[in-house]
């Protein structure tokens, strides 16, 4: 199967009733949605940096992705940690 250069691929999560999830656990839904967007693509939506920072400690991401995002979100903090490691 070959996709055209302009093909738009969107992800639909058929295993989760998003409306029910959002209604029953709004915070859990937000965390789940952020994780889905990071792991599987944005699907045309924008990822809120504010929400990623807010729920950072609750996000379950693979270590490499989390480290990369951490570098983007807190570059000064990460830079100082790297400098401190190299001095040891």
N, C-alpha and C. Protein backbone atom coordinates (compact mmCIF):
# COMPACT_ATOMS: atom_id res chain seq x y z
N UNK A 1 0.84 -1.18 0.00
CA UNK A 1 0.00 0.00 0.00
C UNK A 1 0.89 1.24 0.00
N UNK A 2 0.62 2.14 -0.89
CA UNK A 2 1.40 3.35 -1.00
C UNK A 2 0.50 4.55 -0.71
N UNK A 3 0.98 5.45 0.13
CA UNK A 3 0.22 6.65 0.46
C UNK A 3 0.74 7.82 -0.35
N UNK A 4 -0.17 8.65 -0.77
CA UNK A 4 0.25 9.85 -1.49
C UNK A 4 0.94 10.79 -0.50
N UNK A 5 1.70 11.69 -1.02
CA UNK A 5 2.45 12.62 -0.18
C UNK A 5 1.51 13.48 0.68
N UNK A 6 0.32 13.76 0.19
CA UNK A 6 -0.63 14.61 0.89
C UNK A 6 -1.62 13.84 1.75
N UNK A 7 -1.43 12.54 1.85
CA UNK A 7 -2.38 11.72 2.61
C UNK A 7 -2.36 12.13 4.08
N UNK A 8 -3.53 12.19 4.65
CA UNK A 8 -3.65 12.54 6.06
C UNK A 8 -4.07 11.30 6.83
N UNK A 9 -3.24 10.90 7.77
CA UNK A 9 -3.54 9.72 8.57
C UNK A 9 -4.01 10.20 9.94
N UNK A 10 -5.16 9.73 10.36
CA UNK A 10 -5.66 10.09 11.68
C UNK A 10 -5.84 8.83 12.49
N UNK A 11 -5.69 8.97 13.80
CA UNK A 11 -5.85 7.83 14.68
C UNK A 11 -7.20 7.91 15.37
N UNK A 12 -7.88 6.80 15.38
CA UNK A 12 -9.14 6.70 16.10
C UNK A 12 -8.99 5.59 17.12
N UNK A 13 -9.21 5.90 18.38
CA UNK A 13 -9.08 4.89 19.43
C UNK A 13 -10.42 4.23 19.63
N UNK A 14 -10.58 3.05 19.08
CA UNK A 14 -11.85 2.36 19.12
C UNK A 14 -12.05 1.59 20.42
N UNK A 15 -11.03 1.47 21.26
CA UNK A 15 -11.16 0.69 22.49
C UNK A 15 -11.57 1.53 23.70
N UNK A 16 -11.73 2.83 23.51
CA UNK A 16 -12.08 3.71 24.62
C UNK A 16 -13.30 4.54 24.24
N UNK A 17 -14.29 4.53 25.11
CA UNK A 17 -15.45 5.40 24.92
C UNK A 17 -15.07 6.77 25.48
N UNK A 18 -14.57 7.62 24.58
CA UNK A 18 -14.02 8.91 25.02
C UNK A 18 -15.05 9.79 25.71
N UNK A 19 -16.28 9.82 25.21
CA UNK A 19 -17.31 10.66 25.83
C UNK A 19 -17.57 10.23 27.27
N UNK A 20 -17.68 8.91 27.48
CA UNK A 20 -17.93 8.39 28.82
C UNK A 20 -16.73 8.65 29.73
N UNK A 21 -15.53 8.40 29.22
CA UNK A 21 -14.30 8.62 29.98
C UNK A 21 -14.18 10.08 30.40
N UNK A 22 -14.42 10.98 29.47
CA UNK A 22 -14.32 12.42 29.73
C UNK A 22 -15.32 12.86 30.80
N UNK A 23 -16.52 12.28 30.76
CA UNK A 23 -17.57 12.64 31.71
C UNK A 23 -17.27 12.07 33.10
N UNK A 24 -16.81 10.81 33.17
CA UNK A 24 -16.62 10.14 34.45
C UNK A 24 -15.30 10.52 35.15
N UNK A 25 -14.27 10.84 34.38
CA UNK A 25 -12.96 11.16 34.96
C UNK A 25 -12.27 12.23 34.12
N UNK A 26 -12.70 13.48 34.26
CA UNK A 26 -12.15 14.56 33.42
C UNK A 26 -10.63 14.69 33.48
N UNK A 27 -10.05 14.61 34.68
CA UNK A 27 -8.60 14.74 34.78
C UNK A 27 -7.88 13.54 34.16
N UNK A 28 -8.38 12.34 34.45
CA UNK A 28 -7.81 11.13 33.86
C UNK A 28 -7.90 11.16 32.34
N UNK A 29 -9.00 11.70 31.83
CA UNK A 29 -9.17 11.83 30.39
C UNK A 29 -8.12 12.76 29.80
N UNK A 30 -7.89 13.90 30.46
CA UNK A 30 -6.89 14.86 29.96
C UNK A 30 -5.51 14.22 29.91
N UNK A 31 -5.14 13.49 30.96
CA UNK A 31 -3.84 12.83 31.02
C UNK A 31 -3.75 11.79 29.90
N UNK A 32 -4.79 10.98 29.76
CA UNK A 32 -4.82 9.96 28.71
C UNK A 32 -4.71 10.59 27.33
N UNK A 33 -5.43 11.67 27.11
CA UNK A 33 -5.43 12.35 25.81
C UNK A 33 -4.04 12.90 25.48
N UNK A 34 -3.38 13.50 26.46
CA UNK A 34 -2.02 14.02 26.25
C UNK A 34 -1.08 12.88 25.88
N UNK A 35 -1.16 11.78 26.62
CA UNK A 35 -0.31 10.62 26.32
C UNK A 35 -0.57 10.08 24.93
N UNK A 36 -1.83 10.00 24.54
CA UNK A 36 -2.18 9.52 23.21
C UNK A 36 -1.60 10.43 22.13
N UNK A 37 -1.72 11.72 22.34
CA UNK A 37 -1.22 12.68 21.35
C UNK A 37 0.30 12.60 21.21
N UNK A 38 0.99 12.44 22.34
CA UNK A 38 2.46 12.34 22.30
C UNK A 38 2.88 11.02 21.65
N UNK A 39 2.25 9.93 22.04
CA UNK A 39 2.66 8.61 21.56
C UNK A 39 2.22 8.30 20.14
N UNK A 40 1.06 8.78 19.73
CA UNK A 40 0.49 8.37 18.44
C UNK A 40 0.29 9.49 17.45
N UNK A 41 0.64 10.71 17.81
CA UNK A 41 0.49 11.82 16.89
C UNK A 41 -0.64 12.74 17.30
N UNK A 42 -0.58 13.92 16.78
CA UNK A 42 -1.53 14.96 17.19
C UNK A 42 -2.84 14.92 16.43
N UNK A 43 -2.87 14.28 15.27
CA UNK A 43 -4.10 14.19 14.50
C UNK A 43 -4.68 15.55 14.14
N UNK A 44 -3.82 16.52 13.87
CA UNK A 44 -4.29 17.84 13.49
C UNK A 44 -4.57 18.76 14.66
N UNK A 45 -4.54 18.23 15.89
CA UNK A 45 -4.77 19.05 17.07
C UNK A 45 -3.45 19.64 17.55
N UNK A 46 -3.55 20.69 18.35
CA UNK A 46 -2.36 21.26 18.96
C UNK A 46 -2.23 20.72 20.37
N UNK A 47 -1.00 20.43 20.75
CA UNK A 47 -0.72 19.94 22.09
C UNK A 47 -0.45 21.14 23.00
N UNK A 48 -1.17 21.22 24.10
CA UNK A 48 -1.04 22.34 25.02
C UNK A 48 0.20 22.16 25.90
N UNK A 49 1.17 23.05 25.74
CA UNK A 49 2.37 23.00 26.58
C UNK A 49 2.00 23.17 28.04
N UNK A 50 1.03 24.04 28.30
CA UNK A 50 0.60 24.28 29.68
C UNK A 50 0.07 23.00 30.33
N UNK A 51 -0.74 22.23 29.58
CA UNK A 51 -1.29 20.99 30.13
C UNK A 51 -0.21 19.92 30.28
N UNK A 52 0.73 19.87 29.34
CA UNK A 52 1.82 18.89 29.45
C UNK A 52 2.63 19.19 30.71
N UNK A 53 2.93 20.46 30.96
CA UNK A 53 3.67 20.83 32.17
C UNK A 53 2.85 20.52 33.43
N UNK A 54 1.56 20.81 33.38
CA UNK A 54 0.69 20.59 34.54
C UNK A 54 0.63 19.12 34.94
N UNK A 55 0.51 18.23 33.96
CA UNK A 55 0.35 16.80 34.24
C UNK A 55 1.65 16.01 34.06
N UNK A 56 2.78 16.70 33.96
CA UNK A 56 4.06 16.07 33.66
C UNK A 56 4.34 14.85 34.55
N UNK A 57 4.19 14.99 35.84
CA UNK A 57 4.51 13.90 36.77
C UNK A 57 3.56 12.71 36.64
N UNK A 58 2.40 12.94 36.07
CA UNK A 58 1.41 11.87 35.93
C UNK A 58 1.45 11.18 34.57
N UNK A 59 2.24 11.71 33.63
CA UNK A 59 2.30 11.13 32.30
C UNK A 59 3.16 9.87 32.28
N UNK A 60 2.64 8.82 31.66
CA UNK A 60 3.38 7.57 31.49
C UNK A 60 3.91 7.54 30.06
N UNK A 61 5.18 7.88 29.91
CA UNK A 61 5.81 7.92 28.59
C UNK A 61 7.08 7.10 28.65
N UNK A 62 7.53 6.62 27.49
CA UNK A 62 8.79 5.89 27.51
C UNK A 62 9.91 6.85 27.89
N UNK A 63 10.96 6.35 28.54
CA UNK A 63 12.00 7.22 29.09
C UNK A 63 12.67 8.14 28.06
N UNK A 64 12.91 7.64 26.86
CA UNK A 64 13.57 8.46 25.84
C UNK A 64 12.70 9.63 25.42
N UNK A 65 11.42 9.38 25.22
CA UNK A 65 10.48 10.44 24.85
C UNK A 65 10.37 11.46 25.96
N UNK A 66 10.26 10.97 27.19
CA UNK A 66 10.12 11.87 28.33
C UNK A 66 11.37 12.74 28.49
N UNK A 67 12.53 12.15 28.31
CA UNK A 67 13.77 12.92 28.42
C UNK A 67 13.87 13.98 27.33
N UNK A 68 13.47 13.63 26.12
CA UNK A 68 13.49 14.60 25.02
C UNK A 68 12.53 15.75 25.28
N UNK A 69 11.31 15.42 25.69
CA UNK A 69 10.33 16.46 25.98
C UNK A 69 10.78 17.34 27.14
N UNK A 70 11.41 16.73 28.13
CA UNK A 70 11.92 17.48 29.27
C UNK A 70 12.95 18.51 28.81
N UNK A 71 13.78 18.12 27.88
CA UNK A 71 14.79 19.03 27.34
C UNK A 71 14.12 20.21 26.63
N UNK A 72 13.02 19.94 25.93
CA UNK A 72 12.30 21.01 25.24
C UNK A 72 11.54 21.92 26.21
N UNK A 73 10.96 21.32 27.24
CA UNK A 73 10.13 22.08 28.18
C UNK A 73 10.94 22.86 29.20
N UNK A 74 12.06 22.30 29.65
CA UNK A 74 12.88 22.94 30.67
C UNK A 74 14.35 22.90 30.24
N UNK A 75 14.70 23.64 29.19
CA UNK A 75 16.07 23.55 28.65
C UNK A 75 17.15 24.00 29.64
N UNK A 76 16.91 25.03 30.41
CA UNK A 76 17.92 25.53 31.35
C UNK A 76 18.18 24.52 32.46
N UNK A 77 17.10 23.97 32.99
CA UNK A 77 17.21 22.99 34.07
C UNK A 77 17.99 21.77 33.58
N UNK A 78 17.65 21.29 32.42
CA UNK A 78 18.30 20.11 31.86
C UNK A 78 19.77 20.39 31.57
N UNK A 79 20.05 21.58 31.05
CA UNK A 79 21.43 21.95 30.73
C UNK A 79 22.27 21.97 32.00
N UNK A 80 21.74 22.52 33.08
CA UNK A 80 22.50 22.58 34.33
C UNK A 80 22.73 21.18 34.89
N UNK A 81 21.76 20.28 34.74
CA UNK A 81 21.94 18.90 35.19
C UNK A 81 23.03 18.21 34.40
N UNK A 82 23.05 18.44 33.09
CA UNK A 82 24.07 17.83 32.25
C UNK A 82 25.45 18.36 32.60
N UNK A 83 25.55 19.66 32.86
CA UNK A 83 26.83 20.25 33.24
C UNK A 83 27.33 19.71 34.57
N UNK A 84 26.41 19.54 35.52
CA UNK A 84 26.78 19.01 36.84
C UNK A 84 27.27 17.56 36.73
N UNK A 85 26.67 16.77 35.85
CA UNK A 85 27.09 15.39 35.64
C UNK A 85 28.50 15.32 35.10
N UNK A 86 28.81 16.20 34.15
CA UNK A 86 30.12 16.16 33.52
C UNK A 86 31.24 16.60 34.46
N UNK A 87 30.92 17.37 35.50
CA UNK A 87 31.92 17.81 36.47
C UNK A 87 32.29 16.69 37.44
N UNK A 88 31.41 15.74 37.61
CA UNK A 88 31.66 14.64 38.56
C UNK A 88 32.68 13.67 38.05
